[in-house]
Amino acid sequence: MNISQELLTLISWMSGEFSNREQSLDQPVWFVNLVWWQRPIPFDVLGSTAIFAEQANALILDRPYRQRILQFVERDGKIQVNYWGFKDPSA
């Protein structure tokens, strides 16, 4: 499968570790300090380009939650993202 440079760039931009620390400090009533990780999944695992994402409260990083897979599909020059959750994320 041929993956466009645009999609590779998008995945590069989206991959990494992110935090809303400043937002949570500025508005603690509304926001908990979270850490969000997004890591590319090797192409041969799903047969497509994808990212694994999960988040955790910054105070309890060893208990992540909200695991997701973002699967990228290129069609007619456009990039579509399928956003998948897990039936049993604790497994």
PDB file of N, CA and C in Angstrom:
ATOM      1  N   MET A   1       0.844  -1.190   0.000  1.00  0.00           N
ATOM      2  CA  MET A   1       0.000   0.000   0.000  1.00  0.00           C
ATOM      3  C   MET A   1       0.879   1.239   0.000  1.00  0.00           C
ATOM      4  N   ASN A   2       0.489   2.210  -0.777  1.00  0.00           N
ATOM      5  CA  ASN A   2       1.239   3.451  -0.882  1.00  0.00           C
ATOM      6  C   ASN A   2       0.654   4.480   0.090  1.00  0.00           C
ATOM      7  N   ILE A   3       1.451   4.943   1.025  1.00  0.00           N
ATOM      8  CA  ILE A   3       1.004   5.922   2.021  1.00  0.00           C
ATOM      9  C   ILE A   3       1.527   7.294   1.611  1.00  0.00           C
ATOM     10  N   SER A   4       0.641   8.264   1.538  1.00  0.00           N
ATOM     11  CA  SER A   4       1.032   9.592   1.077  1.00  0.00           C
ATOM     12  C   SER A   4       1.910  10.298   2.106  1.00  0.00           C
ATOM     13  N   GLN A   5       2.691  11.236   1.618  1.00  0.00           N
ATOM     14  CA  GLN A   5       3.538  12.038   2.488  1.00  0.00           C
ATOM     15  C   GLN A   5       2.689  12.876   3.446  1.00  0.00           C
ATOM     16  N   GLU A   6       1.536  13.319   2.985  1.00  0.00           N
ATOM     17  CA  GLU A   6       0.639  14.102   3.838  1.00  0.00           C
ATOM     18  C   GLU A   6       0.187  13.293   5.047  1.00  0.00           C
ATOM     19  N   LEU A   7      -0.154  12.015   4.826  1.00  0.00           N
ATOM     20  CA  LEU A   7      -0.597  11.162   5.926  1.00  0.00           C
ATOM     21  C   LEU A   7       0.562  10.868   6.874  1.00  0.00           C
ATOM     22  N   LEU A   8       1.724  10.598   6.347  1.00  0.00           N
ATOM     23  CA  LEU A   8       2.895  10.375   7.204  1.00  0.00           C
ATOM     24  C   LEU A   8       3.201  11.604   8.050  1.00  0.00           C
ATOM     25  N   THR A   9       3.062  12.788   7.467  1.00  0.00           N
ATOM     26  CA  THR A   9       3.282  14.030   8.212  1.00  0.00           C
ATOM     27  C   THR A   9       2.237  14.194   9.310  1.00  0.00           C
ATOM     28  N   LEU A  10       0.971  13.934   8.994  1.00  0.00           N
ATOM     29  CA  LEU A  10      -0.100  14.037   9.979  1.00  0.00           C
ATOM     30  C   LEU A  10       0.152  13.103  11.162  1.00  0.00           C
ATOM     31  N   ILE A  11       0.518  11.872  10.882  1.00  0.00           N
ATOM     32  CA  ILE A  11       0.777  10.904  11.951  1.00  0.00           C
ATOM     33  C   ILE A  11       1.968  11.348  12.786  1.00  0.00           C
ATOM     34  N   SER A  12       2.965  11.893  12.164  1.00  0.00           N
ATOM     35  CA  SER A  12       4.122  12.414  12.895  1.00  0.00           C
ATOM     36  C   SER A  12       3.717  13.548  13.837  1.00  0.00           C
ATOM     37  N   TRP A  13       2.870  14.459  13.354  1.00  0.00           N
ATOM     38  CA  TRP A  13       2.404  15.582  14.175  1.00  0.00           C
ATOM     39  C   TRP A  13       1.550  15.107  15.341  1.00  0.00           C
ATOM     40  N   MET A  14       0.750  14.066  15.116  1.00  0.00           N
ATOM     41  CA  MET A  14      -0.188  13.594  16.139  1.00  0.00           C
ATOM     42  C   MET A  14       0.453  12.668  17.170  1.00  0.00           C
ATOM     43  N   SER A  15       1.628  12.132  16.867  1.00  0.00           N
ATOM     44  CA  SER A  15       2.282  11.188  17.769  1.00  0.00           C
ATOM     45  C   SER A  15       3.046  11.931  18.853  1.00  0.00           C
ATOM     46  N   GLY A  16       2.990  11.387  20.064  1.00  0.00           N
ATOM     47  CA  GLY A  16       3.748  11.987  21.154  1.00  0.00           C
ATOM     48  C   GLY A  16       3.002  11.909  22.473  1.00  0.00           C
ATOM     49  N   GLU A  17       3.467  12.692  23.417  1.00  0.00           N
ATOM     50  CA  GLU A  17       2.850  12.776  24.743  1.00  0.00           C
ATOM     51  C   GLU A  17       2.379  14.204  24.950  1.00  0.00           C
ATOM     52  N   PHE A  18       1.148  14.339  25.396  1.00  0.00           N
ATOM     53  CA  PHE A  18       0.542  15.653  25.531  1.00  0.00           C
ATOM     54  C   PHE A  18      -0.062  15.802  26.924  1.00  0.00           C
ATOM     55  N   SER A  19      -0.213  17.030  27.371  1.00  0.00           N
ATOM     56  CA  SER A  19      -0.766  17.302  28.696  1.00  0.00           C
ATOM     57  C   SER A  19      -1.599  18.574  28.643  1.00  0.00           C
ATOM     58  N   ASN A  20      -2.595  18.626  29.505  1.00  0.00           N
ATOM     59  CA  ASN A  20      -3.386  19.844  29.630  1.00  0.00           C
ATOM     60  C   ASN A  20      -3.067  20.553  30.956  1.00  0.00           C
ATOM     61  N   ARG A  21      -1.842  20.407  31.418  1.00  0.00           N
ATOM     62  CA  ARG A  21      -1.428  20.930  32.719  1.00  0.00           C
ATOM     63  C   ARG A  21      -1.780  22.404  32.901  1.00  0.00           C
ATOM     64  N   GLU A  22      -1.420  23.230  31.929  1.00  0.00           N
ATOM     65  CA  GLU A  22      -1.695  24.675  32.046  1.00  0.00           C
ATOM     66  C   GLU A  22      -3.185  24.940  32.173  1.00  0.00           C
ATOM     67  N   GLN A  23      -3.977  24.258  31.376  1.00  0.00           N
ATOM     68  CA  GLN A  23      -5.428  24.426  31.424  1.00  0.00           C
ATOM     69  C   GLN A  23      -5.967  23.985  32.790  1.00  0.00           C
ATOM     70  N   SER A  24      -5.463  22.872  33.316  1.00  0.00           N
ATOM     71  CA  SER A  24      -5.952  22.375  34.604  1.00  0.00           C
ATOM     72  C   SER A  24      -5.547  23.300  35.754  1.00  0.00           C
ATOM     73  N   LEU A  25      -4.404  23.935  35.645  1.00  0.00           N
ATOM     74  CA  LEU A  25      -3.990  24.898  36.675  1.00  0.00           C
ATOM     75  C   LEU A  25      -4.792  26.186  36.582  1.00  0.00           C
ATOM     76  N   ASP A  26      -5.107  26.590  35.357  1.00  0.00           N
ATOM     77  CA  ASP A  26      -5.853  27.823  35.139  1.00  0.00           C
ATOM     78  C   ASP A  26      -7.326  27.680  35.546  1.00  0.00           C
ATOM     79  N   GLN A  27      -7.895  26.489  35.310  1.00  0.00           N
ATOM     80  CA  GLN A  27      -9.315  26.256  35.599  1.00  0.00           C
ATOM     81  C   GLN A  27      -9.500  24.906  36.309  1.00  0.00           C
ATOM     82  N   PRO A  28      -9.001  24.773  37.542  1.00  0.00           N
ATOM     83  CA  PRO A  28      -9.023  23.480  38.236  1.00  0.00           C
ATOM     84  C   PRO A  28     -10.423  22.941  38.526  1.00  0.00           C
ATOM     85  N   VAL A  29     -11.406  23.807  38.576  1.00  0.00           N
ATOM     86  CA  VAL A  29     -12.770  23.337  38.818  1.00  0.00           C
ATOM     87  C   VAL A  29     -13.287  22.542  37.624  1.00  0.00           C
ATOM     88  N   TRP A  30     -12.827  22.897  36.434  1.00  0.00           N
ATOM     89  CA  TRP A  30     -13.341  22.287  35.214  1.00  0.00           C
ATOM     90  C   TRP A  30     -12.442  21.206  34.626  1.00  0.00           C
ATOM     91  N   PHE A  31     -11.144  21.229  34.920  1.00  0.00           N
ATOM     92  CA  PHE A  31     -10.212  20.335  34.239  1.00  0.00           C
ATOM     93  C   PHE A  31      -9.271  19.633  35.210  1.00  0.00           C
ATOM     94  N   VAL A  32      -9.156  18.315  35.042  1.00  0.00           N
ATOM     95  CA  VAL A  32      -8.184  17.499  35.759  1.00  0.00           C
ATOM     96  C   VAL A  32      -6.912  17.471  34.915  1.00  0.00           C
ATOM     97  N   ASN A  33      -5.767  17.436  35.549  1.00  0.00           N
ATOM     98  CA  ASN A  33      -4.499  17.361  34.834  1.00  0.00           C
ATOM     99  C   ASN A  33      -4.351  15.966  34.221  1.00  0.00           C
ATOM    100  N   LEU A  34      -4.422  15.900  32.894  1.00  0.00           N
ATOM    101  CA  LEU A  34      -4.351  14.634  32.173  1.00  0.00           C
ATOM    102  C   LEU A  34      -3.095  14.559  31.318  1.00  0.00           C
ATOM    103  N   VAL A  35      -2.653  13.337  31.108  1.00  0.00           N
ATOM    104  CA  VAL A  35      -1.581  13.065  30.156  1.00  0.00           C
ATOM    105  C   VAL A  35      -2.176  12.152  29.095  1.00  0.00           C
ATOM    106  N   TRP A  36      -1.900  12.464  27.834  1.00  0.00           N
ATOM    107  CA  TRP A  36      -2.458  11.746  26.688  1.00  0.00           C
ATOM    108  C   TRP A  36      -1.298  11.287  25.824  1.00  0.00           C
ATOM    109  N   TRP A  37      -1.243   9.986  25.537  1.00  0.00           N
ATOM    110  CA  TRP A  37      -0.191   9.426  24.692  1.00  0.00           C
ATOM    111  C   TRP A  37      -0.792   8.976  23.375  1.00  0.00           C
ATOM    112  N   GLN A  38      -0.083   9.221  22.306  1.00  0.00           N
ATOM    113  CA  GLN A  38      -0.464   8.716  20.995  1.00  0.00           C
ATOM    114  C   GLN A  38       0.786   8.153  20.331  1.00  0.00           C
ATOM    115  N   ARG A  39       0.724   6.869  19.976  1.00  0.00           N
ATOM    116  CA  ARG A  39       1.861   6.175  19.383  1.00  0.00           C
ATOM    117  C   ARG A  39       1.449   5.490  18.084  1.00  0.00           C
ATOM    118  N   PRO A  40       2.266   5.593  17.042  1.00  0.00           N
ATOM    119  CA  PRO A  40       1.954   4.900  15.787  1.00  0.00           C
ATOM    120  C   PRO A  40       1.949   3.384  15.998  1.00  0.00           C
ATOM    121  N   ILE A  41       1.038   2.710  15.324  1.00  0.00           N
ATOM    122  CA  ILE A  41       0.983   1.248  15.319  1.00  0.00           C
ATOM    123  C   ILE A  41       1.646   0.797  14.018  1.00  0.00           C
ATOM    124  N   PRO A  42       2.567  -0.170  14.078  1.00  0.00           N
ATOM    125  CA  PRO A  42       3.191  -0.642  12.837  1.00  0.00           C
ATOM    126  C   PRO A  42       2.146  -1.088  11.822  1.00  0.00           C
ATOM    127  N   PHE A  43       2.377  -0.764  10.574  1.00  0.00           N
ATOM    128  CA  PHE A  43       1.419  -1.029   9.491  1.00  0.00           C
ATOM    129  C   PHE A  43       0.987  -2.490   9.441  1.00  0.00           C
ATOM    130  N   ASP A  44       1.922  -3.392   9.659  1.00  0.00           N
ATOM    131  CA  ASP A  44       1.606  -4.813   9.510  1.00  0.00           C
ATOM    132  C   ASP A  44       0.703  -5.355  10.620  1.00  0.00           C
ATOM    133  N   VAL A  45       0.495  -4.611  11.692  1.00  0.00           N
ATOM    134  CA  VAL A  45      -0.369  -5.070  12.780  1.00  0.00           C
ATOM    135  C   VAL A  45      -1.844  -5.028  12.373  1.00  0.00           C
ATOM    136  N   LEU A  46      -2.283  -3.922  11.781  1.00  0.00           N
ATOM    137  CA  LEU A  46      -3.684  -3.762  11.384  1.00  0.00           C
ATOM    138  C   LEU A  46      -3.893  -3.765   9.881  1.00  0.00           C
ATOM    139  N   GLY A  47      -2.825  -3.738   9.126  1.00  0.00           N
ATOM    140  CA  GLY A  47      -2.961  -3.667   7.677  1.00  0.00           C
ATOM    141  C   GLY A  47      -3.331  -2.283   7.196  1.00  0.00           C
ATOM    142  N   SER A  48      -3.173  -1.298   8.076  1.00  0.00           N
ATOM    143  CA  SER A  48      -3.437   0.092   7.719  1.00  0.00           C
ATOM    144  C   SER A  48      -2.623   0.990   8.641  1.00  0.00           C
ATOM    145  N   THR A  49      -2.652   2.265   8.357  1.00  0.00           N
ATOM    146  CA  THR A  49      -1.941   3.237   9.160  1.00  0.00           C
ATOM    147  C   THR A  49      -2.811   3.600  10.360  1.00  0.00           C
ATOM    148  N   ALA A  50      -2.240   3.542  11.567  1.00  0.00           N
ATOM    149  CA  ALA A  50      -3.050   3.775  12.752  1.00  0.00           C
ATOM    150  C   ALA A  50      -2.194   4.292  13.912  1.00  0.00           C
ATOM    151  N   ILE A  51      -2.882   4.845  14.899  1.00  0.00           N
ATOM    152  CA  ILE A  51      -2.263   5.340  16.127  1.00  0.00           C
ATOM    153  C   ILE A  51      -3.011   4.739  17.311  1.00  0.00           C
ATOM    154  N   PHE A  52      -2.264   4.300  18.331  1.00  0.00           N
ATOM    155  CA  PHE A  52      -2.863   3.883  19.592  1.00  0.00           C
ATOM    156  C   PHE A  52      -2.825   5.081  20.532  1.00  0.00           C
ATOM    157  N   ALA A  53      -3.946   5.363  21.192  1.00  0.00           N
ATOM    158  CA  ALA A  53      -4.028   6.509  22.099  1.00  0.00           C
ATOM    159  C   ALA A  53      -4.610   6.064  23.438  1.00  0.00           C
ATOM    160  N   GLU A  54      -4.098   6.645  24.513  1.00  0.00           N
ATOM    161  CA  GLU A  54      -4.691   6.453  25.830  1.00  0.00           C
ATOM    162  C   GLU A  54      -4.352   7.648  26.696  1.00  0.00           C
ATOM    163  N   GLN A  55      -5.129   7.821  27.752  1.00  0.00           N
ATOM    164  CA  GLN A  55      -4.883   8.937  28.653  1.00  0.00           C
ATOM    165  C   GLN A  55      -4.925   8.453  30.083  1.00  0.00           C
ATOM    166  N   ALA A  56      -4.372   9.277  30.978  1.00  0.00           N
ATOM    167  CA  ALA A  56      -4.374   8.976  32.406  1.00  0.00           C
ATOM    168  C   ALA A  56      -4.344  10.283  33.178  1.00  0.00           C
ATOM    169  N   ASN A  57      -4.877  10.218  34.378  1.00  0.00           N
ATOM    170  CA  ASN A  57      -4.746  11.329  35.309  1.00  0.00           C
ATOM    171  C   ASN A  57      -3.260  11.468  35.619  1.00  0.00           C
ATOM    172  N   ALA A  58      -2.732  12.680  35.603  1.00  0.00           N
ATOM    173  CA  ALA A  58      -1.303  12.902  35.818  1.00  0.00           C
ATOM    174  C   ALA A  58      -0.836  12.428  37.197  1.00  0.00           C
ATOM    175  N   LEU A  59      -1.756  12.315  38.150  1.00  0.00           N
ATOM    176  CA  LEU A  59      -1.396  11.862  39.497  1.00  0.00           C
ATOM    177  C   LEU A  59      -1.384  10.349  39.624  1.00  0.00           C
ATOM    178  N   ILE A  60      -2.008   9.640  38.687  1.00  0.00           N
ATOM    179  CA  ILE A  60      -2.039   8.168  38.717  1.00  0.00           C
ATOM    180  C   ILE A  60      -1.784   7.611  37.316  1.00  0.00           C
ATOM    181  N   LEU A  61      -0.559   7.816  36.845  1.00  0.00           N
ATOM    182  CA  LEU A  61      -0.196   7.428  35.486  1.00  0.00           C
ATOM    183  C   LEU A  61      -0.234   5.921  35.257  1.00  0.00           C
ATOM    184  N   ASP A  62      -0.172   5.149  36.332  1.00  0.00           N
ATOM    185  CA  ASP A  62      -0.166   3.698  36.176  1.00  0.00           C
ATOM    186  C   ASP A  62      -1.576   3.126  35.977  1.00  0.00           C
ATOM    187  N   ARG A  63      -2.594   3.994  35.884  1.00  0.00           N
ATOM    188  CA  ARG A  63      -3.968   3.544  35.650  1.00  0.00           C
ATOM    189  C   ARG A  63      -4.569   4.285  34.444  1.00  0.00           C
ATOM    190  N   PRO A  64      -4.006   4.039  33.257  1.00  0.00           N
ATOM    191  CA  PRO A  64      -4.540   4.720  32.072  1.00  0.00           C
ATOM    192  C   PRO A  64      -5.948   4.243  31.743  1.00  0.00           C
ATOM    193  N   TYR A  65      -6.665   5.071  31.013  1.00  0.00           N
ATOM    194  CA  TYR A  65      -8.022   4.749  30.593  1.00  0.00           C
ATOM    195  C   TYR A  65      -8.282   5.402  29.246  1.00  0.00           C
ATOM    196  N   ARG A  66      -9.473   5.164  28.721  1.00  0.00           N
ATOM    197  CA  ARG A  66      -9.896   5.697  27.429  1.00  0.00           C
ATOM    198  C   ARG A  66      -8.911   5.352  26.310  1.00  0.00           C
ATOM    199  N   GLN A  67      -8.599   4.075  26.204  1.00  0.00           N
ATOM    200  CA  GLN A  67      -7.738   3.607  25.128  1.00  0.00           C
ATOM    201  C   GLN A  67      -8.529   3.629  23.821  1.00  0.00           C
ATOM    202  N   ARG A  68      -7.864   4.055  22.770  1.00  0.00           N
ATOM    203  CA  ARG A  68      -8.507   4.164  21.461  1.00  0.00           C
ATOM    204  C   ARG A  68      -7.502   3.821  20.358  1.00  0.00           C
ATOM    205  N   ILE A  69      -8.041   3.476  19.215  1.00  0.00           N
ATOM    206  CA  ILE A  69      -7.231   3.334  18.003  1.00  0.00           C
ATOM    207  C   ILE A  69      -7.795   4.287  16.971  1.00  0.00           C
ATOM    208  N   LEU A  70      -6.921   5.101  16.401  1.00  0.00           N
ATOM    209  CA  LEU A  70      -7.281   5.997  15.315  1.00  0.00           C
ATOM    210  C   LEU A  70      -6.720   5.378  14.041  1.00  0.00           C
ATOM    211  N   GLN A  71      -7.600   4.916  13.168  1.00  0.00           N
ATOM    212  CA  GLN A  71      -7.200   4.258  11.930  1.00  0.00           C
ATOM    213  C   GLN A  71      -7.382   5.246  10.778  1.00  0.00           C
ATOM    214  N   PHE A  72      -6.329   5.455  10.016  1.00  0.00           N
ATOM    215  CA  PHE A  72      -6.344   6.430   8.928  1.00  0.00           C
ATOM    216  C   PHE A  72      -6.534   5.719   7.593  1.00  0.00           C
ATOM    217  N   VAL A  73      -7.485   6.231   6.810  1.00  0.00           N
ATOM    218  CA  VAL A  73      -7.785   5.665   5.491  1.00  0.00           C
ATOM    219  C   VAL A  73      -7.746   6.804   4.486  1.00  0.00           C
ATOM    220  N   GLU A  74      -7.021   6.592   3.397  1.00  0.00           N
ATOM    221  CA  GLU A  74      -6.965   7.595   2.328  1.00  0.00           C
ATOM    222  C   GLU A  74      -7.903   7.180   1.203  1.00  0.00           C
ATOM    223  N   ARG A  75      -8.815   8.094   0.847  1.00  0.00           N
ATOM    224  CA  ARG A  75      -9.765   7.830  -0.247  1.00  0.00           C
ATOM    225  C   ARG A  75      -9.938   9.096  -1.065  1.00  0.00           C
ATOM    226  N   ASP A  76      -9.780   8.967  -2.342  1.00  0.00           N
ATOM    227  CA  ASP A  76     -10.001  10.084  -3.264  1.00  0.00           C
ATOM    228  C   ASP A  76      -9.243  11.340  -2.840  1.00  0.00           C
ATOM    229  N   GLY A  77      -8.012  11.178  -2.398  1.00  0.00           N
ATOM    230  CA  GLY A  77      -7.190  12.315  -2.024  1.00  0.00           C
ATOM    231  C   GLY A  77      -7.525  12.919  -0.668  1.00  0.00           C
ATOM    232  N   LYS A  78      -8.415  12.280   0.082  1.00  0.00           N
ATOM    233  CA  LYS A  78      -8.790  12.779   1.409  1.00  0.00           C
ATOM    234  C   LYS A  78      -8.413  11.744   2.459  1.00  0.00           C
ATOM    235  N   ILE A  79      -8.169  12.226   3.668  1.00  0.00           N
ATOM    236  CA  ILE A  79      -7.836  11.347   4.784  1.00  0.00           C
ATOM    237  C   ILE A  79      -9.051  11.232   5.692  1.00  0.00           C
ATOM    238  N   GLN A  80      -9.471  10.007   5.923  1.00  0.00           N
ATOM    239  CA  GLN A  80     -10.587   9.718   6.827  1.00  0.00           C
ATOM    240  C   GLN A  80     -10.011   9.035   8.062  1.00  0.00           C
ATOM    241  N   VAL A  81     -10.566   9.351   9.239  1.00  0.00           N
ATOM    242  CA  VAL A  81     -10.113   8.720  10.477  1.00  0.00           C
ATOM    243  C   VAL A  81     -11.267   7.930  11.076  1.00  0.00           C
ATOM    244  N   ASN A  82     -11.020   6.648  11.300  1.00  0.00           N
ATOM    245  CA  ASN A  82     -11.957   5.802  12.032  1.00  0.00           C
ATOM    246  C   ASN A  82     -11.464   5.745  13.475  1.00  0.00           C
ATOM    247  N   TYR A  83     -12.346   6.031  14.391  1.00  0.00           N
ATOM    248  CA  TYR A  83     -12.004   6.154  15.808  1.00  0.00           C
ATOM    249  C   TYR A  83     -12.609   4.965  16.531  1.00  0.00           C
ATOM    250  N   TRP A  84     -11.765   4.037  17.007  1.00  0.00           N
ATOM    251  CA  TRP A  84     -12.218   2.790  17.589  1.00  0.00           C
ATOM    252  C   TRP A  84     -11.952   2.737  19.091  1.00  0.00           C
ATOM    253  N   GLY A  85     -12.922   2.233  19.833  1.00  0.00           N
ATOM    254  CA  GLY A  85     -12.743   1.955  21.262  1.00  0.00           C
ATOM    255  C   GLY A  85     -12.672   0.455  21.467  1.00  0.00           C
ATOM    256  N   PHE A  86     -12.389   0.024  22.678  1.00  0.00           N
ATOM    257  CA  PHE A  86     -12.284  -1.394  23.006  1.00  0.00           C
ATOM    258  C   PHE A  86     -13.513  -1.846  23.797  1.00  0.00           C
ATOM    259  N   LYS A  87     -13.988  -3.063  23.522  1.00  0.00           N
ATOM    260  CA  LYS A  87     -15.118  -3.596  24.288  1.00  0.00           C
ATOM    261  C   LYS A  87     -14.745  -3.764  25.756  1.00  0.00           C
ATOM    262  N   ASP A  88     -13.528  -4.256  26.014  1.00  0.00           N
ATOM    263  CA  ASP A  88     -13.070  -4.473  27.380  1.00  0.00           C
ATOM    264  C   ASP A  88     -11.669  -3.890  27.527  1.00  0.00           C
ATOM    265  N   PRO A  89     -11.554  -2.589  27.746  1.00  0.00           N
ATOM    266  CA  PRO A  89     -10.229  -1.944  27.789  1.00  0.00           C
ATOM    267  C   PRO A  89      -9.326  -2.462  28.907  1.00  0.00           C
ATOM    268  N   SER A  90      -9.893  -2.963  29.981  1.00  0.00           N
ATOM    269  CA  SER A  90      -9.041  -3.445  31.075  1.00  0.00           C
ATOM    270  C   SER A  90      -8.306  -4.731  30.713  1.00  0.00           C
ATOM    271  N   ALA A  91      -8.821  -5.453  29.706  1.00  0.00           N
ATOM    272  CA  ALA A  91      -8.156  -6.691  29.265  1.00  0.00           C
ATOM    273  C   ALA A  91      -6.881  -6.359  28.514  1.00  0.00           C
TER     274      ALA A  91
END
